[in-house]
PDB file of all heavy atoms in Angstrom:
ATOM      1  N   MET A   1      13.467 -11.579  23.027  1.00  0.00           N
ATOM      2  CA  MET A   1      14.677 -11.438  22.160  1.00  0.00           C
ATOM      3  C   MET A   1      15.470 -10.179  22.486  1.00  0.00           C
ATOM      4  O   MET A   1      16.653 -10.133  22.478  1.00  0.00           O
ATOM      5  CB  MET A   1      14.335 -11.577  20.685  1.00  0.00           C
ATOM      6  CG  MET A   1      13.679 -12.942  20.347  1.00  0.00           C
ATOM      7  SD  MET A   1      13.119 -12.970  18.614  1.00  0.00           S
ATOM      8  CE  MET A   1      14.626 -12.615  17.761  1.00  0.00           C
ATOM      9  N   ALA A   2      14.651  -9.096  22.608  1.00  0.00           N
ATOM     10  CA  ALA A   2      15.324  -7.747  22.878  1.00  0.00           C
ATOM     11  C   ALA A   2      15.921  -7.800  24.174  1.00  0.00           C
ATOM     12  O   ALA A   2      17.102  -7.162  24.373  1.00  0.00           O
ATOM     13  CB  ALA A   2      14.296  -6.619  22.833  1.00  0.00           C
ATOM     14  N   VAL A   3      15.406  -8.411  25.252  1.00  0.00           N
ATOM     15  CA  VAL A   3      16.006  -8.482  26.556  1.00  0.00           C
ATOM     16  C   VAL A   3      17.299  -9.269  26.435  1.00  0.00           C
ATOM     17  O   VAL A   3      18.374  -8.980  27.038  1.00  0.00           O
ATOM     18  CB  VAL A   3      15.034  -9.133  27.545  1.00  0.00           C
ATOM     19  CG1 VAL A   3      15.733  -9.418  28.842  1.00  0.00           C
ATOM     20  CG2 VAL A   3      13.795  -8.303  27.729  1.00  0.00           C
ATOM     21  N   TYR A   4      17.325 -10.446  25.693  1.00  0.00           N
ATOM     22  CA  TYR A   4      18.429 -11.201  25.523  1.00  0.00           C
ATOM     23  C   TYR A   4      19.590 -10.456  24.824  1.00  0.00           C
ATOM     24  O   TYR A   4      20.752 -10.615  25.160  1.00  0.00           O
ATOM     25  CB  TYR A   4      18.083 -12.405  24.687  1.00  0.00           C
ATOM     26  CG  TYR A   4      19.305 -13.265  24.377  1.00  0.00           C
ATOM     27  CD1 TYR A   4      19.753 -14.269  25.350  1.00  0.00           C
ATOM     28  CD2 TYR A   4      19.919 -13.222  23.160  1.00  0.00           C
ATOM     29  CE1 TYR A   4      20.894 -14.996  25.050  1.00  0.00           C
ATOM     30  CE2 TYR A   4      20.960 -14.037  22.786  1.00  0.00           C
ATOM     31  CZ  TYR A   4      21.447 -14.986  23.872  1.00  0.00           C
ATOM     32  OH  TYR A   4      22.538 -15.721  23.546  1.00  0.00           O
ATOM     33  N   ALA A   5      19.244  -9.485  23.969  1.00  0.00           N
ATOM     34  CA  ALA A   5      20.272  -8.708  23.241  1.00  0.00           C
ATOM     35  C   ALA A   5      20.669  -7.424  24.033  1.00  0.00           C
ATOM     36  O   ALA A   5      21.306  -6.539  23.515  1.00  0.00           O
ATOM     37  CB  ALA A   5      19.705  -8.236  21.834  1.00  0.00           C
ATOM     38  N   HIS A   6      20.139  -7.341  25.268  1.00  0.00           N
ATOM     39  CA  HIS A   6      20.305  -6.217  26.182  1.00  0.00           C
ATOM     40  C   HIS A   6      19.765  -4.876  25.526  1.00  0.00           C
ATOM     41  O   HIS A   6      20.512  -3.934  25.659  1.00  0.00           O
ATOM     42  CB  HIS A   6      21.843  -6.104  26.480  1.00  0.00           C
ATOM     43  CG  HIS A   6      22.437  -7.318  27.059  1.00  0.00           C
ATOM     44  ND1 HIS A   6      22.176  -7.753  28.340  1.00  0.00           N
ATOM     45  CD2 HIS A   6      23.351  -8.184  26.512  1.00  0.00           C
ATOM     46  CE1 HIS A   6      22.772  -8.849  28.574  1.00  0.00           C
ATOM     47  NE2 HIS A   6      23.538  -9.213  27.431  1.00  0.00           N
ATOM     48  N   ALA A   7      18.762  -5.058  24.829  1.00  0.00           N
ATOM     49  CA  ALA A   7      17.972  -3.878  24.254  1.00  0.00           C
ATOM     50  C   ALA A   7      16.527  -3.934  24.481  1.00  0.00           C
ATOM     51  O   ALA A   7      15.712  -3.979  23.577  1.00  0.00           O
ATOM     52  CB  ALA A   7      18.314  -3.735  22.729  1.00  0.00           C
ATOM     53  N   PRO A   8      16.113  -3.994  25.777  1.00  0.00           N
ATOM     54  CA  PRO A   8      14.683  -4.083  26.073  1.00  0.00           C
ATOM     55  C   PRO A   8      13.952  -2.791  25.591  1.00  0.00           C
ATOM     56  O   PRO A   8      14.508  -1.760  25.653  1.00  0.00           O
ATOM     57  CB  PRO A   8      14.648  -4.282  27.664  1.00  0.00           C
ATOM     58  CG  PRO A   8      15.891  -3.620  28.103  1.00  0.00           C
ATOM     59  CD  PRO A   8      16.910  -3.888  27.041  1.00  0.00           C
ATOM     60  N   GLN A   9      12.671  -3.061  25.131  1.00  0.00           N
ATOM     61  CA  GLN A   9      11.888  -1.992  24.655  1.00  0.00           C
ATOM     62  C   GLN A   9      10.795  -1.598  25.522  1.00  0.00           C
ATOM     63  O   GLN A   9      10.240  -2.495  26.280  1.00  0.00           O
ATOM     64  CB  GLN A   9      11.318  -2.347  23.232  1.00  0.00           C
ATOM     65  CG  GLN A   9      12.361  -2.781  22.255  1.00  0.00           C
ATOM     66  CD  GLN A   9      13.287  -1.687  21.907  1.00  0.00           C
ATOM     67  OE1 GLN A   9      12.879  -0.566  21.750  1.00  0.00           O
ATOM     68  NE2 GLN A   9      14.685  -1.982  21.814  1.00  0.00           N
ATOM     69  N   THR A  10      10.398  -0.410  25.554  1.00  0.00           N
ATOM     70  CA  THR A  10       9.230   0.125  26.387  1.00  0.00           C
ATOM     71  C   THR A  10       7.980  -0.316  25.716  1.00  0.00           C
ATOM     72  O   THR A  10       7.902  -0.689  24.500  1.00  0.00           O
ATOM     73  CB  THR A  10       9.369   1.645  26.378  1.00  0.00           C
ATOM     74  OG1 THR A  10       9.139   2.248  25.246  1.00  0.00           O
ATOM     75  CG2 THR A  10      10.701   2.096  27.058  1.00  0.00           C
ATOM     76  N   THR A  11       6.993  -0.225  26.542  1.00  0.00           N
ATOM     77  CA  THR A  11       5.648  -0.518  26.074  1.00  0.00           C
ATOM     78  C   THR A  11       5.274   0.410  24.872  1.00  0.00           C
ATOM     79  O   THR A  11       4.602  -0.017  23.892  1.00  0.00           O
ATOM     80  CB  THR A  11       4.585  -0.413  27.212  1.00  0.00           C
ATOM     81  OG1 THR A  11       4.901  -1.289  28.263  1.00  0.00           O
ATOM     82  CG2 THR A  11       3.167  -0.659  26.730  1.00  0.00           C
ATOM     83  N   ILE A  12       5.570   1.581  24.933  1.00  0.00           N
ATOM     84  CA  ILE A  12       5.271   2.656  23.941  1.00  0.00           C
ATOM     85  C   ILE A  12       5.875   2.212  22.564  1.00  0.00           C
ATOM     86  O   ILE A  12       5.239   2.206  21.519  1.00  0.00           O
ATOM     87  CB  ILE A  12       5.631   4.007  24.361  1.00  0.00           C
ATOM     88  CG1 ILE A  12       4.918   4.469  25.512  1.00  0.00           C
ATOM     89  CG2 ILE A  12       5.558   5.046  23.178  1.00  0.00           C
ATOM     90  CD1 ILE A  12       5.331   5.798  26.100  1.00  0.00           C
ATOM     91  N   VAL A  13       7.164   1.810  22.576  1.00  0.00           N
ATOM     92  CA  VAL A  13       7.778   1.379  21.370  1.00  0.00           C
ATOM     93  C   VAL A  13       7.235   0.165  20.746  1.00  0.00           C
ATOM     94  O   VAL A  13       7.018   0.035  19.567  1.00  0.00           O
ATOM     95  CB  VAL A  13       9.306   1.294  21.649  1.00  0.00           C
ATOM     96  CG1 VAL A  13       9.944   0.634  20.330  1.00  0.00           C
ATOM     97  CG2 VAL A  13       9.958   2.569  21.973  1.00  0.00           C
ATOM     98  N   LEU A  14       6.955  -0.851  21.684  1.00  0.00           N
ATOM     99  CA  LEU A  14       6.305  -2.056  21.147  1.00  0.00           C
ATOM    100  C   LEU A  14       4.956  -1.790  20.571  1.00  0.00           C
ATOM    101  O   LEU A  14       4.570  -2.368  19.498  1.00  0.00           O
ATOM    102  CB  LEU A  14       6.267  -3.112  22.315  1.00  0.00           C
ATOM    103  CG  LEU A  14       7.562  -3.678  22.824  1.00  0.00           C
ATOM    104  CD1 LEU A  14       7.348  -4.565  24.014  1.00  0.00           C
ATOM    105  CD2 LEU A  14       8.306  -4.406  21.731  1.00  0.00           C
ATOM    106  N   VAL A  15       4.171  -0.999  21.184  1.00  0.00           N
ATOM    107  CA  VAL A  15       2.780  -0.690  20.665  1.00  0.00           C
ATOM    108  C   VAL A  15       3.040   0.142  19.338  1.00  0.00           C
ATOM    109  O   VAL A  15       2.249  -0.184  18.325  1.00  0.00           O
ATOM    110  CB  VAL A  15       2.008   0.198  21.630  1.00  0.00           C
ATOM    111  CG1 VAL A  15       0.761   0.792  20.972  1.00  0.00           C
ATOM    112  CG2 VAL A  15       1.649  -0.637  22.885  1.00  0.00           C
ATOM    113  N   ALA A  16       3.904   0.969  19.214  1.00  0.00           N
ATOM    114  CA  ALA A  16       4.216   1.753  18.040  1.00  0.00           C
ATOM    115  C   ALA A  16       4.524   0.777  16.877  1.00  0.00           C
ATOM    116  O   ALA A  16       4.053   0.964  15.785  1.00  0.00           O
ATOM    117  CB  ALA A  16       5.283   2.780  18.122  1.00  0.00           C
ATOM    118  N   LEU A  17       5.454  -0.207  17.148  1.00  0.00           N
ATOM    119  CA  LEU A  17       5.769  -1.181  16.132  1.00  0.00           C
ATOM    120  C   LEU A  17       4.623  -1.949  15.695  1.00  0.00           C
ATOM    121  O   LEU A  17       4.405  -2.202  14.493  1.00  0.00           O
ATOM    122  CB  LEU A  17       6.944  -2.076  16.679  1.00  0.00           C
ATOM    123  CG  LEU A  17       7.356  -3.271  15.794  1.00  0.00           C
ATOM    124  CD1 LEU A  17       7.875  -2.696  14.511  1.00  0.00           C
ATOM    125  CD2 LEU A  17       8.240  -4.201  16.525  1.00  0.00           C
ATOM    126  N   MET A  18       3.765  -2.451  16.639  1.00  0.00           N
ATOM    127  CA  MET A  18       2.609  -3.259  16.279  1.00  0.00           C
ATOM    128  C   MET A  18       1.675  -2.446  15.485  1.00  0.00           C
ATOM    129  O   MET A  18       1.114  -2.925  14.389  1.00  0.00           O
ATOM    130  CB  MET A  18       2.010  -3.691  17.555  1.00  0.00           C
ATOM    131  CG  MET A  18       0.616  -4.561  17.388  1.00  0.00           C
ATOM    132  SD  MET A  18      -0.378  -4.764  18.897  1.00  0.00           S
ATOM    133  CE  MET A  18      -0.766  -2.990  19.191  1.00  0.00           C
ATOM    134  N   VAL A  19       1.382  -1.204  15.773  1.00  0.00           N
ATOM    135  CA  VAL A  19       0.439  -0.362  15.000  1.00  0.00           C
ATOM    136  C   VAL A  19       0.970  -0.167  13.626  1.00  0.00           C
ATOM    137  O   VAL A  19       0.264  -0.116  12.592  1.00  0.00           O
ATOM    138  CB  VAL A  19       0.099   0.922  15.707  1.00  0.00           C
ATOM    139  CG1 VAL A  19      -0.631   1.923  14.847  1.00  0.00           C
ATOM    140  CG2 VAL A  19      -0.665   0.698  17.056  1.00  0.00           C
ATOM    141  N   ALA A  20       2.347   0.035  13.551  1.00  0.00           N
ATOM    142  CA  ALA A  20       2.925   0.300  12.285  1.00  0.00           C
ATOM    143  C   ALA A  20       2.843  -0.879  11.306  1.00  0.00           C
ATOM    144  O   ALA A  20       2.705  -0.704  10.142  1.00  0.00           O
ATOM    145  CB  ALA A  20       4.407   0.796  12.465  1.00  0.00           C
ATOM    146  N   LEU A  21       2.944  -2.084  11.864  1.00  0.00           N
ATOM    147  CA  LEU A  21       3.053  -3.332  11.070  1.00  0.00           C
ATOM    148  C   LEU A  21       1.651  -3.864  10.656  1.00  0.00           C
ATOM    149  O   LEU A  21       1.451  -4.464   9.578  1.00  0.00           O
ATOM    150  CB  LEU A  21       3.814  -4.372  11.801  1.00  0.00           C
ATOM    151  CG  LEU A  21       5.250  -4.113  12.011  1.00  0.00           C
ATOM    152  CD1 LEU A  21       6.010  -5.240  12.650  1.00  0.00           C
ATOM    153  CD2 LEU A  21       5.959  -3.799  10.594  1.00  0.00           C
ATOM    154  N   ILE A  22       0.569  -3.701  11.539  1.00  0.00           N
ATOM    155  CA  ILE A  22      -0.679  -4.263  11.198  1.00  0.00           C
ATOM    156  C   ILE A  22      -1.328  -3.434  10.079  1.00  0.00           C
ATOM    157  O   ILE A  22      -1.023  -2.281   9.945  1.00  0.00           O
ATOM    158  CB  ILE A  22      -1.593  -4.346  12.378  1.00  0.00           C
ATOM    159  CG1 ILE A  22      -1.970  -2.990  13.002  1.00  0.00           C
ATOM    160  CG2 ILE A  22      -1.033  -5.308  13.498  1.00  0.00           C
ATOM    161  CD1 ILE A  22      -2.932  -3.105  14.206  1.00  0.00           C
ATOM    162  N   PRO A  23      -2.318  -3.950   9.323  1.00  0.00           N
ATOM    163  CA  PRO A  23      -2.880  -3.176   8.154  1.00  0.00           C
ATOM    164  C   PRO A  23      -3.815  -2.215   8.681  1.00  0.00           C
ATOM    165  O   PRO A  23      -5.151  -2.309   8.494  1.00  0.00           O
ATOM    166  CB  PRO A  23      -3.450  -4.247   7.415  1.00  0.00           C
ATOM    167  CG  PRO A  23      -3.822  -5.376   8.340  1.00  0.00           C
ATOM    168  CD  PRO A  23      -2.749  -5.398   9.372  1.00  0.00           C
ATOM    169  N   THR A  24      -3.361  -1.107   9.375  1.00  0.00           N
ATOM    170  CA  THR A  24      -4.356  -0.109   9.838  1.00  0.00           C
ATOM    171  C   THR A  24      -5.073   0.693   8.769  1.00  0.00           C
ATOM    172  O   THR A  24      -6.178   1.084   8.963  1.00  0.00           O
ATOM    173  CB  THR A  24      -3.548   0.857  10.806  1.00  0.00           C
ATOM    174  OG1 THR A  24      -2.387   1.351  10.108  1.00  0.00           O
ATOM    175  CG2 THR A  24      -3.097   0.153  12.091  1.00  0.00           C
ATOM    176  N   THR A  25      -4.284   0.899   7.681  1.00  0.00           N
ATOM    177  CA  THR A  25      -4.956   1.735   6.662  1.00  0.00           C
ATOM    178  C   THR A  25      -6.205   1.152   6.103  1.00  0.00           C
ATOM    179  O   THR A  25      -7.300   1.787   6.056  1.00  0.00           O
ATOM    180  CB  THR A  25      -3.942   2.136   5.551  1.00  0.00           C
ATOM    181  OG1 THR A  25      -2.664   2.578   6.088  1.00  0.00           O
ATOM    182  CG2 THR A  25      -4.496   3.074   4.520  1.00  0.00           C
ATOM    183  N   ILE A  26      -6.088  -0.036   5.586  1.00  0.00           N
ATOM    184  CA  ILE A  26      -7.353  -0.624   5.125  1.00  0.00           C
ATOM    185  C   ILE A  26      -8.420  -0.982   6.221  1.00  0.00           C
ATOM    186  O   ILE A  26      -9.567  -0.861   5.960  1.00  0.00           O
ATOM    187  CB  ILE A  26      -7.025  -1.899   4.243  1.00  0.00           C
ATOM    188  CG1 ILE A  26      -8.281  -2.554   3.524  1.00  0.00           C
ATOM    189  CG2 ILE A  26      -6.327  -2.954   5.101  1.00  0.00           C
ATOM    190  CD1 ILE A  26      -8.950  -1.548   2.649  1.00  0.00           C
ATOM    191  N   GLY A  27      -7.852  -1.347   7.352  1.00  0.00           N
ATOM    192  CA  GLY A  27      -8.735  -1.530   8.536  1.00  0.00           C
ATOM    193  C   GLY A  27      -9.576  -0.308   8.890  1.00  0.00           C
ATOM    194  O   GLY A  27     -10.730  -0.451   9.286  1.00  0.00           O
ATOM    195  N   ALA A  28      -8.926   0.879   8.761  1.00  0.00           N
ATOM    196  CA  ALA A  28      -9.629   2.100   9.032  1.00  0.00           C
ATOM    197  C   ALA A  28     -10.611   2.417   8.044  1.00  0.00           C
ATOM    198  O   ALA A  28     -11.677   3.076   8.303  1.00  0.00           O
ATOM    199  CB  ALA A  28      -8.624   3.260   9.229  1.00  0.00           C
ATOM    200  N   LEU A  29     -10.388   2.126   6.707  1.00  0.00           N
ATOM    201  CA  LEU A  29     -11.218   2.579   5.663  1.00  0.00           C
ATOM    202  C   LEU A  29     -12.200   1.550   5.138  1.00  0.00           C
ATOM    203  O   LEU A  29     -13.006   1.907   4.218  1.00  0.00           O
ATOM    204  CB  LEU A  29     -10.328   3.012   4.444  1.00  0.00           C
ATOM    205  CG  LEU A  29      -9.343   4.199   4.791  1.00  0.00           C
ATOM    206  CD1 LEU A  29      -8.456   4.492   3.647  1.00  0.00           C
ATOM    207  CD2 LEU A  29     -10.119   5.489   5.131  1.00  0.00           C
ATOM    208  N   LEU A  30     -12.093   0.249   5.580  1.00  0.00           N
ATOM    209  CA  LEU A  30     -12.918  -0.805   4.985  1.00  0.00           C
ATOM    210  C   LEU A  30     -14.402  -0.545   5.044  1.00  0.00           C
ATOM    211  O   LEU A  30     -15.103  -0.631   4.012  1.00  0.00           O
ATOM    212  CB  LEU A  30     -12.565  -2.127   5.639  1.00  0.00           C
ATOM    213  CG  LEU A  30     -13.222  -3.329   5.084  1.00  0.00           C
ATOM    214  CD1 LEU A  30     -12.937  -3.519   3.654  1.00  0.00           C
ATOM    215  CD2 LEU A  30     -12.893  -4.593   5.959  1.00  0.00           C
ATOM    216  N   SER A  31     -14.904  -0.138   6.263  1.00  0.00           N
ATOM    217  CA  SER A  31     -16.356   0.091   6.359  1.00  0.00           C
ATOM    218  C   SER A  31     -16.708   1.276   5.550  1.00  0.00           C
ATOM    219  O   SER A  31     -17.838   1.278   4.900  1.00  0.00           O
ATOM    220  CB  SER A  31     -16.608   0.372   7.813  1.00  0.00           C
ATOM    221  OG  SER A  31     -18.013   0.538   8.031  1.00  0.00           O
ATOM    222  N   ALA A  32     -16.006   2.360   5.423  1.00  0.00           N
ATOM    223  CA  ALA A  32     -16.252   3.533   4.673  1.00  0.00           C
ATOM    224  C   ALA A  32     -16.386   3.121   3.208  1.00  0.00           C
ATOM    225  O   ALA A  32     -17.268   3.681   2.430  1.00  0.00           O
ATOM    226  CB  ALA A  32     -15.270   4.608   4.863  1.00  0.00           C
ATOM    227  N   ILE A  33     -15.524   2.289   2.722  1.00  0.00           N
ATOM    228  CA  ILE A  33     -15.642   1.919   1.272  1.00  0.00           C
ATOM    229  C   ILE A  33     -16.954   1.231   1.000  1.00  0.00           C
ATOM    230  O   ILE A  33     -17.530   1.500   0.018  1.00  0.00           O
ATOM    231  CB  ILE A  33     -14.418   0.909   0.985  1.00  0.00           C
ATOM    232  CG1 ILE A  33     -13.048   1.650   1.050  1.00  0.00           C
ATOM    233  CG2 ILE A  33     -14.564   0.368  -0.453  1.00  0.00           C
ATOM    234  CD1 ILE A  33     -11.868   0.712   0.993  1.00  0.00           C
ATOM    235  N   GLY A  34     -17.361   0.285   1.891  1.00  0.00           N
ATOM    236  CA  GLY A  34     -18.636  -0.378   1.644  1.00  0.00           C
ATOM    237  C   GLY A  34     -19.876   0.643   1.697  1.00  0.00           C
ATOM    238  O   GLY A  34     -20.731   0.540   0.789  1.00  0.00           O
ATOM    239  N   ILE A  35     -19.884   1.459   2.632  1.00  0.00           N
ATOM    240  CA  ILE A  35     -20.955   2.494   2.799  1.00  0.00           C
ATOM    241  C   ILE A  35     -20.943   3.319   1.554  1.00  0.00           C
ATOM    242  O   ILE A  35     -21.984   3.685   0.995  1.00  0.00           O
ATOM    243  CB  ILE A  35     -20.825   3.226   4.066  1.00  0.00           C
ATOM    244  CG1 ILE A  35     -21.021   2.391   5.316  1.00  0.00           C
ATOM    245  CG2 ILE A  35     -21.885   4.337   4.094  1.00  0.00           C
ATOM    246  CD1 ILE A  35     -20.719   3.035   6.631  1.00  0.00           C
TER     247      ILE A  35
END
């Protein structure tokens, strides 16, 4: 869609978006909470 809109994104930006959107906070702390 970005290419179609003439605004292609770099791998770094796409990875940054993915990391920002997935639930990293609870994913990072879930095991520590149980222990």
